Protein backbone atom coordinates (compact mmCIF):
# COMPACT_ATOMS: atom_id res chain seq x y z
CA MET A 1 56.73 -14.11 -8.73
CA TRP A 2 53.15 -15.41 -8.83
CA GLY A 3 51.82 -13.27 -11.32
CA THR A 4 51.77 -10.04 -13.37
CA SER A 5 49.39 -7.13 -13.43
CA LEU A 6 45.76 -8.69 -14.10
CA ILE A 7 44.80 -5.40 -16.21
CA GLY A 8 47.92 -5.85 -18.37
CA SER A 9 47.65 -9.55 -18.70
CA ASP A 10 44.09 -9.38 -19.34
CA THR A 11 44.48 -6.70 -22.22
CA GLN A 12 47.36 -9.09 -23.89
CA LEU A 13 45.05 -12.02 -23.83
CA ASN A 14 42.14 -10.32 -26.01
CA GLN A 15 44.58 -9.54 -28.77
CA LYS A 16 43.69 -12.58 -30.61
CA SER A 17 40.20 -13.28 -29.88
CA TYR A 18 37.64 -15.17 -32.37
CA TYR A 19 34.76 -13.34 -30.64
CA GLU A 20 36.26 -9.67 -31.46
CA ALA A 21 37.09 -10.56 -35.01
CA SER A 22 33.56 -11.80 -35.70
CA VAL A 23 31.71 -8.66 -34.62
CA SER A 24 31.58 -5.15 -35.88
CA ARG A 25 31.23 -2.93 -32.49
CA PRO A 26 29.72 0.32 -32.40
CA ALA A 27 31.53 3.48 -31.86
CA PRO A 28 32.75 3.81 -28.60
CA GLN A 29 30.49 5.55 -25.91
CA PRO A 30 31.74 8.56 -24.19
CA SER A 31 33.69 8.39 -20.72
CA VAL A 32 31.82 10.60 -17.93
CA GLN A 33 32.62 14.05 -17.79
CA GLY A 34 31.49 16.16 -14.79
CA ALA A 35 28.67 15.47 -12.61
CA VAL A 36 26.12 13.17 -13.65
CA GLN A 37 22.73 12.23 -11.66
CA ALA A 38 20.77 8.94 -11.57
CA ASP A 39 18.80 6.79 -9.86
CA ALA A 40 21.23 3.75 -9.94
CA VAL A 41 24.60 3.49 -10.87
CA VAL A 42 25.96 0.04 -12.31
CA ILE A 43 29.56 -0.51 -12.20
CA GLY A 44 30.70 -3.20 -14.86
CA GLY A 45 29.65 -3.69 -18.59
CA GLY A 46 29.25 -7.25 -18.75
CA PHE A 47 26.52 -9.63 -18.48
CA ALA A 48 25.53 -8.95 -14.93
CA GLY A 49 25.77 -5.40 -15.07
CA LEU A 50 24.05 -5.03 -18.41
CA SER A 51 21.26 -7.37 -17.30
CA ALA A 52 20.78 -5.25 -14.08
CA ALA A 53 20.88 -2.05 -15.87
CA LEU A 54 18.26 -3.42 -18.30
CA GLU A 55 15.97 -4.59 -15.64
CA LEU A 56 16.04 -1.58 -13.46
CA ALA A 57 15.21 0.83 -16.26
CA ARG A 58 12.40 -1.62 -17.35
CA ARG A 59 11.17 -0.58 -13.66
CA GLY A 60 11.03 2.92 -14.49
CA MET A 61 14.33 4.09 -12.77
CA SER A 62 17.22 6.42 -14.43
CA VAL A 63 20.25 4.12 -14.75
CA VAL A 64 23.82 5.05 -15.47
CA LEU A 65 26.34 2.18 -16.53
CA LEU A 66 30.06 2.82 -16.15
CA GLU A 67 32.39 0.09 -18.01
CA ALA A 68 36.34 0.57 -17.70
CA ASP A 69 36.97 -0.42 -21.03
CA ARG A 70 34.32 -1.69 -23.81
CA ILE A 71 31.04 -3.38 -23.14
CA GLY A 72 31.53 -7.08 -23.05
CA SER A 73 35.61 -6.55 -22.99
CA GLY A 74 36.19 -8.72 -19.92
CA ALA A 75 34.87 -12.47 -19.41
CA SER A 76 31.43 -11.67 -20.32
CA GLY A 77 32.89 -11.14 -24.20
CA ARG A 78 35.43 -13.96 -24.35
CA ASN A 79 34.21 -16.91 -22.34
CA GLY A 80 33.33 -20.27 -23.81
CA GLY A 81 29.61 -19.23 -24.55
CA GLN A 82 28.22 -22.26 -22.31
CA ALA A 83 25.07 -21.45 -20.73
CA ILE A 84 24.44 -24.35 -18.33
CA VAL A 85 21.96 -25.14 -15.90
CA GLY A 86 23.02 -25.58 -12.13
CA TYR A 87 25.92 -24.22 -10.29
CA ALA A 88 29.76 -24.73 -10.23
CA SER A 89 29.43 -25.69 -7.09
CA GLY A 90 26.64 -28.54 -7.34
CA GLN A 91 23.81 -28.12 -5.07
CA GLY A 92 25.76 -29.02 -1.99
CA PRO A 93 26.33 -25.66 -0.62
CA PHE A 94 22.96 -24.67 -0.81
CA GLU A 95 21.84 -27.99 0.72
CA ALA A 96 24.05 -27.57 3.89
CA GLN A 97 23.20 -23.93 4.43
CA LEU A 98 19.65 -23.72 3.05
CA GLY A 99 17.90 -26.87 3.06
CA ALA A 100 16.32 -28.99 0.83
CA GLU A 101 13.22 -26.82 -0.33
CA ARG A 102 15.42 -23.56 -0.93
CA SER A 103 18.05 -25.40 -2.58
CA GLN A 104 15.70 -26.76 -4.99
CA GLN A 105 14.07 -23.23 -5.35
CA ALA A 106 17.91 -22.47 -6.49
CA TRP A 107 18.18 -25.11 -8.92
CA ASP A 108 15.02 -24.19 -10.51
CA MET A 109 16.23 -20.68 -10.98
CA SER A 110 19.26 -21.88 -12.73
CA VAL A 111 17.06 -23.39 -15.35
CA GLN A 112 14.96 -20.25 -15.54
CA ALA A 113 18.29 -18.45 -15.97
CA VAL A 114 19.04 -20.35 -19.20
CA ASP A 115 15.41 -19.84 -20.48
CA LEU A 116 16.12 -16.03 -19.90
CA ILE A 117 18.65 -16.10 -22.40
CA GLU A 118 16.14 -17.43 -25.04
CA GLN A 119 13.36 -15.04 -23.95
CA ARG A 120 15.58 -11.81 -24.43
CA ILE A 121 16.96 -13.20 -27.74
CA ALA A 122 13.49 -13.13 -28.87
CA GLU A 123 12.22 -10.01 -27.21
CA HIS A 124 15.28 -7.65 -28.29
CA GLY A 125 16.12 -9.68 -31.60
CA ILE A 126 19.76 -10.41 -30.63
CA ALA A 127 21.65 -12.60 -33.21
CA CYS A 128 23.88 -14.36 -31.03
CA ASP A 129 24.04 -17.75 -32.65
CA TRP A 130 22.11 -19.39 -29.60
CA GLN A 131 21.99 -23.30 -29.87
CA ARG A 132 19.99 -25.65 -27.42
CA GLY A 133 22.16 -28.94 -26.30
CA TYR A 134 24.97 -29.77 -24.16
CA THR A 135 26.75 -32.82 -23.49
CA TYR A 136 28.76 -33.86 -20.52
CA VAL A 137 31.47 -36.42 -20.91
CA ALA A 138 33.80 -38.28 -18.65
CA ASP A 139 37.28 -39.52 -19.57
CA SER A 140 37.59 -42.32 -16.98
CA ARG A 141 35.86 -45.14 -15.40
CA HIS A 142 36.10 -43.61 -11.89
CA LYS A 143 34.86 -40.13 -13.52
CA ALA A 144 32.07 -42.06 -15.42
CA ASP A 145 30.69 -43.15 -11.81
CA VAL A 146 30.72 -39.49 -10.81
CA LEU A 147 29.03 -38.56 -13.93
CA ARG A 148 26.16 -41.10 -13.91
CA GLU A 149 25.47 -39.27 -10.30
CA GLU A 150 25.37 -36.13 -11.94
CA PHE A 151 22.95 -37.54 -14.78
CA ASP A 152 20.81 -38.99 -11.83
CA ASP A 153 20.74 -35.81 -10.30
CA HIS A 154 19.75 -33.83 -13.33
CA SER A 155 16.84 -36.42 -14.07
CA ARG A 156 15.54 -36.38 -10.51
CA ARG A 157 15.34 -32.46 -11.19
CA GLY A 158 13.15 -32.65 -14.06
CA ILE A 159 16.12 -32.06 -16.78
CA ASP A 160 15.69 -34.64 -19.66
CA CYS A 161 18.75 -36.67 -20.30
CA ASP A 162 20.07 -39.44 -22.52
CA TRP A 163 22.73 -41.55 -20.98
CA ALA A 164 25.40 -43.19 -22.86
CA GLU A 165 28.68 -45.35 -22.00
CA GLY A 166 31.11 -47.56 -23.93
CA ALA A 167 30.68 -47.79 -27.58
CA ASP A 168 27.39 -46.13 -27.23
CA VAL A 169 29.15 -42.66 -26.27
CA SER A 170 29.62 -41.94 -30.11
CA ARG A 171 26.04 -41.00 -30.38
CA HIS A 172 27.15 -37.77 -28.40
CA ILE A 173 30.53 -37.20 -29.09
CA GLY A 174 33.14 -38.51 -31.81
CA SER A 175 36.08 -39.18 -29.50
CA GLU A 176 37.54 -42.37 -28.17
CA ARG A 177 38.74 -40.53 -25.44
CA TYR A 178 35.47 -40.49 -23.33
CA ALA A 179 33.87 -43.68 -21.11
CA ALA A 180 30.41 -42.16 -20.61
CA ALA A 181 28.45 -39.10 -21.56
CA PHE A 182 25.01 -37.76 -21.11
CA HIS A 183 23.09 -35.05 -23.16
CA GLU A 184 20.46 -32.75 -22.23
CA LYS A 185 18.69 -30.05 -24.47
CA ARG A 186 17.91 -27.46 -21.53
CA SER A 187 21.57 -26.14 -21.62
CA GLY A 188 22.90 -24.48 -24.67
CA HIS A 189 25.66 -22.08 -25.98
CA LEU A 190 25.71 -18.93 -27.72
CA HIS A 191 28.41 -16.02 -29.24
CA PRO A 192 29.02 -14.28 -25.98
CA LEU A 193 30.00 -11.13 -27.08
CA LYS A 194 27.37 -10.66 -29.66
CA TYR A 195 25.11 -11.51 -26.70
CA ALA A 196 26.84 -8.70 -24.92
CA LEU A 197 26.27 -6.15 -27.59
CA GLY A 198 22.99 -7.30 -28.16
CA LEU A 199 21.68 -6.78 -24.23
CA ALA A 200 23.75 -3.18 -24.26
CA LYS A 201 21.56 -2.15 -27.48
CA ALA A 202 18.57 -3.28 -25.34
CA ALA A 203 19.26 -1.59 -22.46
CA GLN A 204 20.09 1.79 -24.30
CA ALA A 205 16.62 1.32 -25.89
CA ALA A 206 15.14 1.34 -22.33
CA GLY A 207 17.04 4.49 -21.45
CA VAL A 208 20.10 3.11 -19.56
CA ARG A 209 22.77 5.80 -20.34
CA ILE A 210 26.41 3.82 -21.01
CA PHE A 211 29.71 5.18 -20.33
CA GLU A 212 32.59 3.28 -21.67
CA GLY A 213 36.37 3.97 -20.80
CA SER A 214 34.99 5.21 -17.18
CA PRO A 215 36.82 2.90 -14.61
CA VAL A 216 35.53 3.82 -11.09
CA LEU A 217 38.58 5.00 -8.92
CA GLY A 218 36.52 5.20 -5.77
CA LEU A 219 33.03 5.19 -4.60
CA ARG A 220 31.73 7.12 -1.44
CA ARG A 221 28.88 4.88 0.19
CA GLY A 222 25.64 6.45 1.83
CA ASP A 223 22.76 7.85 0.57
CA PRO A 224 23.21 8.98 -2.05
CA LEU A 225 26.24 6.92 -3.29
CA VAL A 226 28.84 8.78 -5.45
CA ALA A 227 31.03 6.72 -7.97
CA VAL A 228 34.13 8.85 -8.84
CA THR A 229 35.94 8.32 -12.28
CA ALA A 230 38.82 10.35 -13.64
CA GLY A 231 36.72 12.44 -15.49
CA GLY A 232 33.72 13.12 -13.16
CA GLN A 233 31.58 11.40 -10.62
CA VAL A 234 27.83 9.87 -10.64
CA THR A 235 25.69 10.13 -7.60
CA ALA A 236 22.56 7.65 -7.22
CA LYS A 237 20.64 6.28 -4.74
CA PHE A 238 21.05 3.03 -5.44
CA GLY A 239 24.30 1.06 -6.60
CA VAL A 240 25.29 -2.30 -8.34
CA LEU A 241 28.67 -3.50 -8.29
CA ALA A 242 29.21 -5.98 -11.21
CA GLY A 243 33.07 -5.59 -11.94
CA ASN A 244 33.81 -9.32 -10.49
CA CYS A 245 37.54 -9.59 -9.98
CA MET A 246 38.34 -6.76 -12.35
CA LEU A 247 36.70 -4.22 -10.02
CA PRO A 248 39.85 -4.03 -7.34
CA GLU A 249 42.37 -3.69 -10.08
CA TYR A 250 40.94 -0.36 -10.95
CA GLY A 251 39.90 1.10 -7.46
CA ALA A 252 41.23 -1.01 -4.43
CA GLN A 253 39.00 0.72 -1.99
CA VAL A 254 35.71 0.50 -3.94
CA ALA A 255 34.35 -2.69 -2.16
CA PRO A 256 37.43 -3.88 -0.06
CA ASP A 257 35.10 -6.02 2.10
CA ILE A 258 34.02 -8.32 -0.64
CA ALA A 259 37.10 -8.74 -2.95
CA PRO A 260 39.00 -11.04 -1.00
CA ARG A 261 36.05 -13.45 -1.14
CA ILE A 262 36.81 -14.26 -5.00
CA MET A 263 39.96 -14.60 -6.74
CA PRO A 264 40.92 -14.19 -10.47
CA VAL A 265 41.13 -17.57 -12.68
CA GLY A 266 42.63 -17.42 -16.27
CA THR A 267 41.00 -19.52 -18.47
CA TYR A 268 42.15 -20.07 -22.22
CA ILE A 269 40.43 -21.03 -25.69
CA VAL A 270 41.88 -21.66 -29.24
CA GLY A 271 39.70 -21.40 -32.36
CA THR A 272 40.61 -23.46 -35.66
CA ALA A 273 40.12 -22.62 -39.36
CA PRO A 274 36.85 -23.43 -40.58
CA LEU A 275 35.81 -27.00 -40.84
CA ASP A 276 33.86 -29.08 -43.44
CA PRO A 277 30.41 -28.67 -41.65
CA ASP A 278 30.02 -32.60 -41.96
CA LEU A 279 33.11 -33.06 -39.91
CA CYS A 280 31.48 -30.87 -37.21
CA VAL A 281 28.59 -33.18 -36.80
CA ARG A 282 30.50 -36.24 -36.47
CA LEU A 283 32.86 -34.54 -33.86
CA ILE A 284 30.16 -33.21 -31.92
CA PRO A 285 26.72 -34.79 -32.80
CA HIS A 286 23.41 -32.40 -31.92
CA HIS A 287 25.37 -29.31 -32.28
CA ALA A 288 25.95 -29.11 -28.50
CA ALA A 289 28.56 -27.65 -26.42
CA VAL A 290 30.57 -30.29 -24.49
CA CYS A 291 32.63 -30.04 -21.26
CA ASP A 292 34.16 -32.85 -19.40
CA ASN A 293 33.77 -33.49 -15.33
CA ASN A 294 37.62 -33.10 -14.63
CA PHE A 295 38.27 -30.52 -12.02
CA VAL A 296 40.72 -28.70 -14.28
CA LEU A 297 38.18 -29.21 -17.18
CA ASP A 298 37.92 -29.03 -21.10
CA TYR A 299 35.19 -27.50 -22.79
CA PHE A 300 34.57 -27.16 -26.67
CA ARG A 301 31.86 -26.43 -29.29
CA CYS A 302 31.47 -25.75 -32.57
CA SER A 303 30.92 -22.00 -33.94
CA ALA A 304 28.20 -20.97 -36.16
CA ASP A 305 31.01 -20.77 -38.83
CA HIS A 306 32.13 -24.21 -38.07
CA ARG A 307 35.14 -23.76 -36.20
CA LEU A 308 35.98 -25.78 -33.25
CA LEU A 309 36.41 -23.39 -30.26
CA PHE A 310 38.42 -25.45 -27.67
CA GLY A 311 38.71 -24.37 -24.17
CA GLY A 312 40.29 -25.18 -20.88
CA ARG A 313 43.77 -25.06 -19.11
CA VAL A 314 43.45 -22.51 -16.18
CA SER A 315 46.02 -20.24 -14.66
CA TYR A 316 45.59 -19.39 -10.86
CA THR A 317 48.51 -17.23 -10.55
CA THR A 318 47.37 -14.62 -13.22
CA ARG A 319 50.21 -15.33 -15.53
CA THR A 320 49.82 -16.61 -19.05
CA PRO A 321 50.87 -20.13 -19.48
CA ARG A 322 53.84 -20.69 -22.04
CA ASN A 323 53.55 -21.86 -25.40
CA LEU A 324 49.70 -21.33 -24.77
CA LYS A 325 48.68 -21.85 -28.41
CA ASP A 326 50.78 -25.28 -29.08
CA VAL A 327 49.67 -26.46 -25.61
CA MET A 328 46.00 -25.91 -26.31
CA ALA A 329 46.44 -27.27 -29.79
CA ARG A 330 47.93 -30.66 -28.39
CA ARG A 331 45.02 -30.78 -25.97
CA MET A 332 42.43 -30.59 -28.55
CA ALA A 333 44.15 -33.28 -30.65
CA GLU A 334 44.18 -35.77 -27.64
CA VAL A 335 40.47 -35.33 -27.96
CA PHE A 336 39.81 -35.10 -31.48
CA PRO A 337 42.92 -36.64 -33.30
CA GLU A 338 41.47 -35.63 -36.79
CA LEU A 339 42.25 -32.14 -35.63
CA LYS A 340 45.89 -32.50 -35.23
CA THR A 341 46.97 -30.91 -38.50
CA THR A 342 44.29 -28.37 -38.52
CA PRO A 343 45.43 -24.85 -38.47
CA VAL A 344 44.57 -22.67 -35.00
CA GLU A 345 43.81 -19.31 -36.08
CA PHE A 346 42.82 -17.63 -32.62
CA VAL A 347 43.93 -18.05 -29.36
CA TRP A 348 42.79 -15.82 -26.53
CA GLY A 349 41.55 -15.66 -22.71
CA GLY A 350 40.55 -13.94 -19.88
CA PHE A 351 39.79 -14.15 -16.00
CA VAL A 352 36.89 -15.33 -14.33
CA ASP A 353 36.41 -14.98 -10.39
CA ILE A 354 35.69 -18.13 -8.43
CA SER A 355 34.48 -18.01 -4.85
CA MET A 356 35.97 -20.53 -2.35
CA ASN A 357 33.04 -22.84 -2.48
CA ARG A 358 32.24 -22.29 -5.92
CA ALA A 359 28.85 -20.86 -5.20
CA PRO A 360 27.69 -17.43 -6.33
CA ASP A 361 27.95 -14.57 -4.03
CA PHE A 362 25.43 -12.03 -4.26
CA GLY A 363 24.73 -9.56 -1.17
CA ARG A 364 24.35 -6.07 -0.05
CA LEU A 365 26.84 -3.41 1.67
CA GLY A 366 24.39 -1.10 3.63
CA SER A 367 20.75 -0.34 2.34
CA ASN A 368 21.37 1.04 -1.01
CA LEU A 369 24.54 -0.91 -2.67
CA TYR A 370 24.32 -4.47 -4.02
CA TYR A 371 27.09 -6.94 -5.48
CA LEU A 372 27.15 -9.60 -7.83
CA GLN A 373 30.18 -12.13 -8.01
CA GLY A 374 31.50 -15.51 -7.74
CA PHE A 375 29.99 -16.84 -10.66
CA SER A 376 32.72 -19.54 -10.93
CA GLY A 377 32.42 -20.42 -14.59
CA HIS A 378 28.82 -20.52 -14.92
CA GLY A 379 27.99 -16.73 -15.63
CA VAL A 380 27.06 -16.88 -19.03
CA ALA A 381 23.44 -17.80 -17.65
CA LEU A 382 23.57 -17.00 -14.09
CA THR A 383 24.68 -13.29 -14.51
CA GLY A 384 21.37 -12.65 -16.40
CA LEU A 385 19.39 -13.82 -13.45
CA ALA A 386 21.57 -12.16 -11.18
CA GLY A 387 20.63 -8.73 -12.76
CA GLN A 388 17.11 -9.56 -12.84
CA LEU A 389 17.20 -10.52 -9.18
CA VAL A 390 19.03 -7.34 -8.13
CA ALA A 391 16.47 -5.24 -9.84
CA GLU A 392 13.76 -6.96 -8.21
CA ALA A 393 15.49 -6.44 -4.60
CA VAL A 394 15.88 -2.51 -5.72
CA ALA A 395 12.22 -2.66 -6.35
CA GLY A 396 11.29 -4.06 -3.21
CA GLN A 397 10.96 -7.61 -4.29
CA ALA A 398 13.84 -9.16 -2.61
CA GLU A 399 12.85 -12.92 -1.85
CA ARG A 400 14.57 -14.29 -4.77
CA PHE A 401 17.61 -12.11 -4.27
CA ASP A 402 17.68 -13.01 -0.66
CA LEU A 403 17.83 -16.65 -1.17
CA PHE A 404 21.26 -16.05 -2.72
CA ALA A 405 22.30 -13.69 -0.17
CA ALA A 406 21.84 -15.97 2.69
CA LEU A 407 24.53 -18.32 1.33
CA GLN A 408 27.79 -17.59 3.91
CA HIS A 409 31.02 -17.05 1.96
CA ARG A 410 34.52 -17.07 3.02
CA ARG A 411 37.80 -15.23 2.04
CA PHE A 412 40.43 -16.96 0.38
CA PRO A 413 43.11 -17.95 2.96
CA GLY A 414 46.72 -16.49 3.14
CA GLY A 415 45.85 -12.77 2.59
CA PRO A 416 47.10 -10.66 -0.22
CA MET A 417 50.51 -11.90 -0.27
CA LEU A 418 49.78 -15.93 -0.17
CA ARG A 419 46.25 -16.78 -1.19
CA THR A 420 47.46 -16.99 -5.01
CA PRO A 421 50.44 -19.39 -4.42
CA SER A 422 48.38 -21.35 -2.10
CA LEU A 423 45.41 -21.63 -4.56
CA ALA A 424 48.14 -22.59 -7.26
CA LEU A 425 49.76 -25.26 -5.35
CA GLY A 426 46.32 -26.73 -4.19
CA MET A 427 45.17 -26.75 -8.02
CA LEU A 428 48.13 -28.60 -8.91
CA TRP A 429 47.25 -31.58 -6.87
CA HIS A 430 43.70 -31.64 -8.44
CA GLN A 431 45.35 -31.79 -11.91
CA VAL A 432 47.54 -34.56 -10.48
CA LYS A 433 43.95 -36.26 -9.55
CA ASP A 434 42.69 -35.67 -13.10
CA ALA A 435 45.57 -37.13 -14.84
CA LEU A 436 45.43 -40.13 -12.66
CA GLY A 437 41.67 -40.46 -13.42
CA LYS A 438 40.62 -39.96 -9.76
């Protein structure tokens, strides 16, 4: 058997989350009861849904947001917290399908997406440990050559970057594992759950009605749309689907036409006991977030309370890897031998959605139903932009949204029974290549 219940696995993975342990959640919002009317209904209470709801409300619309569990309880509240310029796909799909000029426009919007985080934090007073600074690293000579191409591309596109290789790498990271690195100050990192809860508070202040514990079991399309839950229904002129890979887990027929274009991928993080602040600076200068350029990558950063948060090791089967805590701790010690005996106090994970080409998948289903998916690990920044773009499109300003909607996407091969094992076998090949430094 290749996987288990996605909902069950996801719930289990969030039992020992550092993010949940380090926030004070407000009291739960009520679930939907009876008939509710709105101009727009947003399905999904993560970054994309919250951003869309906030932006729609700011444009004068009455908005209802439906969340199956709690706000930020999915990928938005448990990810690596890294807000990165660019796309998981690179610029390749944009250039191939849209041409050089529109590809550059997409790149520029990815930079604006990071800036938007900072703007919202300032405007709404969101205390989420936001920190600028990002370091990319390569652990082999071949990967260093690939990283240099990425550095050159960032530089050509106007991102101020600092390159280092050999002994000079120590300026950017205190690990002998890496052959090359480059640092830039446009990207950054934050506490994702604090940010999600801050967005929810801002959305409610703008008039958004949030219902938690309200999974959408069915969606009747048309004008108006009707989103059906166990306790009631929401009727609206416009709808936004922002539930990503969890959407079909609750209502298989909510969006069967787009669900096969994304796949759930499990990703995992451990959090150490608090470290000496000086050690944090020695390990990761510039207070940066760090990510390597392997296909199955490691990503890590220090939290505001001086813990190392170390992520990576993915699962394409929905099954949590065995001995996850020990496996992740060993991987962390390979990067930072100083932490070999450091206690690991938290271990958690969750599911992100990926598209076939790793490019974002935004579009319409009919004239009044929009969807946002396929963030492919770059969702911390890109989801905020996505919510802004969909609100613009609903309001009649669709040029920026339509740039992304023009991207063509394919379904994962193999159908419901075979696509998961096919993907898992493909990822095993990439893991072997990473191990060989290719």
